Protein backbone atom coordinates (compact mmCIF):
# COMPACT_ATOMS: atom_id res chain seq x y z
CA MET A 1 -32.54 -5.39 -13.43
CA GLY A 2 -32.03 -8.58 -15.63
CA ASN A 3 -32.48 -11.80 -14.11
CA LYS A 4 -29.58 -13.48 -16.07
CA PRO A 5 -28.58 -17.22 -15.11
CA ARG A 6 -25.27 -17.65 -13.19
CA PRO A 7 -22.97 -20.17 -14.70
CA LYS A 8 -22.50 -23.36 -12.74
CA MET A 9 -19.30 -23.33 -10.56
CA SER A 10 -17.14 -26.35 -10.27
CA PRO A 11 -16.84 -27.55 -6.62
CA ALA A 12 -12.99 -26.75 -6.63
CA GLU A 13 -14.20 -22.75 -7.30
CA ARG A 14 -16.53 -23.28 -4.66
CA ALA A 15 -14.63 -24.84 -2.09
CA LYS A 16 -12.13 -21.72 -2.43
CA GLN A 17 -14.72 -19.65 -0.97
CA PHE A 18 -14.41 -20.87 2.49
CA MET A 19 -10.59 -21.40 2.31
CA PRO A 20 -8.82 -19.90 5.42
CA PHE A 21 -7.68 -16.44 4.87
CA ASP A 22 -3.97 -15.39 6.18
CA ALA A 23 -4.54 -11.66 6.44
CA VAL A 24 -0.54 -11.08 6.73
CA LYS A 25 1.55 -14.08 5.45
CA GLY A 26 4.08 -15.96 7.74
CA LEU A 27 1.46 -14.53 10.68
CA ARG A 28 1.10 -18.39 11.41
CA GLU A 29 4.66 -19.64 11.34
CA ALA A 30 6.07 -16.51 13.53
CA LEU A 31 3.31 -17.14 16.09
CA ALA A 32 4.30 -20.56 16.57
CA ARG A 33 8.60 -19.60 17.04
CA LYS A 34 7.27 -17.41 19.48
CA GLU A 35 5.04 -19.61 21.56
CA ALA A 36 8.44 -22.12 21.32
CA GLU A 37 10.61 -19.56 22.51
CA LEU A 38 7.90 -18.72 25.12
CA LEU A 39 7.84 -22.43 26.64
CA TYR A 40 11.44 -23.25 26.65
CA THR A 41 12.69 -24.32 29.98
CA GLU A 42 16.11 -25.63 30.73
CA ARG A 43 16.79 -28.80 32.31
CA GLN A 44 17.03 -29.14 35.86
CA GLU A 45 19.99 -31.14 37.18
CA LEU A 46 18.77 -33.37 40.03
CA SER A 47 20.56 -33.02 43.51
CA ASP A 48 22.82 -35.98 44.95
CA GLU A 49 19.19 -36.75 47.33
CA ALA A 50 16.51 -36.00 44.84
CA SER A 51 18.76 -38.65 42.38
CA GLU A 52 19.05 -41.24 45.40
CA ALA A 53 14.82 -40.86 46.05
CA LEU A 54 13.83 -41.01 42.21
CA ASN A 55 16.60 -44.50 42.43
CA ALA A 56 14.39 -45.88 45.59
CA VAL A 57 11.24 -45.15 43.56
CA LEU A 58 12.35 -47.00 40.68
CA ALA A 59 13.67 -50.20 42.49
CA SER A 60 10.24 -50.37 44.32
CA LEU A 61 7.90 -50.29 41.16
CA ARG A 62 6.56 -53.16 39.63
CA ALA A 63 4.65 -53.69 36.26
CA GLY A 64 1.13 -52.35 36.80
CA ASP A 65 1.86 -49.86 39.17
CA ARG A 66 -0.07 -46.58 38.51
CA VAL A 67 2.49 -43.79 38.37
CA ALA A 68 3.20 -40.02 37.55
CA VAL A 69 6.21 -39.30 35.86
CA THR A 70 7.81 -35.73 34.99
CA PHE A 71 10.06 -36.01 32.63
CA TYR A 72 12.75 -33.39 30.45
CA GLU A 73 10.89 -33.85 26.81
CA GLY A 74 11.49 -31.20 23.56
CA HIS A 75 12.82 -28.09 25.65
CA ARG A 76 9.85 -28.54 28.53
CA TYR A 77 9.12 -30.80 31.36
CA ARG A 78 5.98 -32.79 30.53
CA THR A 79 4.23 -35.02 33.51
CA VAL A 80 2.21 -38.61 31.95
CA THR A 81 0.26 -40.73 34.34
CA ASP A 82 0.10 -44.25 33.19
CA ALA A 83 0.50 -47.84 34.33
CA VAL A 84 4.59 -49.50 34.75
CA ARG A 85 4.37 -52.20 31.67
CA ARG A 86 8.58 -52.52 32.62
CA ILE A 87 11.51 -51.36 33.54
CA ARG A 88 15.11 -51.78 31.76
CA PRO A 89 17.80 -50.61 33.32
CA GLY A 90 20.46 -52.23 30.90
CA GLY A 91 18.00 -50.58 28.31
CA ARG A 92 17.95 -47.06 30.75
CA ASN A 93 14.73 -46.42 29.83
CA ILE A 94 11.07 -47.03 31.95
CA GLU A 95 7.85 -47.83 29.67
CA LEU A 96 4.78 -47.05 30.30
CA ASN A 97 1.29 -48.28 28.32
CA SER A 98 1.45 -44.87 26.15
CA ILE A 99 5.35 -43.95 26.13
CA CYS A 100 8.91 -45.26 26.75
CA ILE A 101 10.88 -42.50 28.75
CA PRO A 102 14.91 -42.59 28.89
CA LEU A 103 15.80 -42.87 32.63
CA SER A 104 17.68 -39.87 32.00
CA ASP A 105 14.63 -37.72 31.19
CA ILE A 106 13.25 -38.42 34.40
CA PHE A 107 12.54 -35.45 37.13
CA THR A 108 10.15 -37.18 39.53
CA ILE A 109 8.04 -40.18 40.02
CA VAL A 110 4.95 -40.37 42.20
CA ARG A 111 3.01 -43.74 42.63
CA GLU A 112 -0.33 -43.13 42.76
CA GLU A 113 -1.92 -45.05 45.86
CA GLU A 114 -4.71 -46.83 45.04
CA ALA A 115 -8.40 -45.65 46.32
């Protein structure tokens, strides 16, 4: 066995050794599509009673109130808990500190009681 010195690798060649390897091309994309299919949820229509209750809660909210809002977004329901910044009936949305939600997408609003 000889002790030949190895030629130095460029940083780019060295980095290739540690790059992720996909054994099956397209597997990640196929898994992402399948996950989206499994998580797909159809939008539910509110009953008249639920719609009236939602309108009553919306009418009673003030800026600074903490609420948990469940709404339809991207083919699934999502819940966000945050403080109300403002409600724009003319603009047809509710602004929380972190997100603006169209009123037509809201499924439920629950006011968090202060401890």
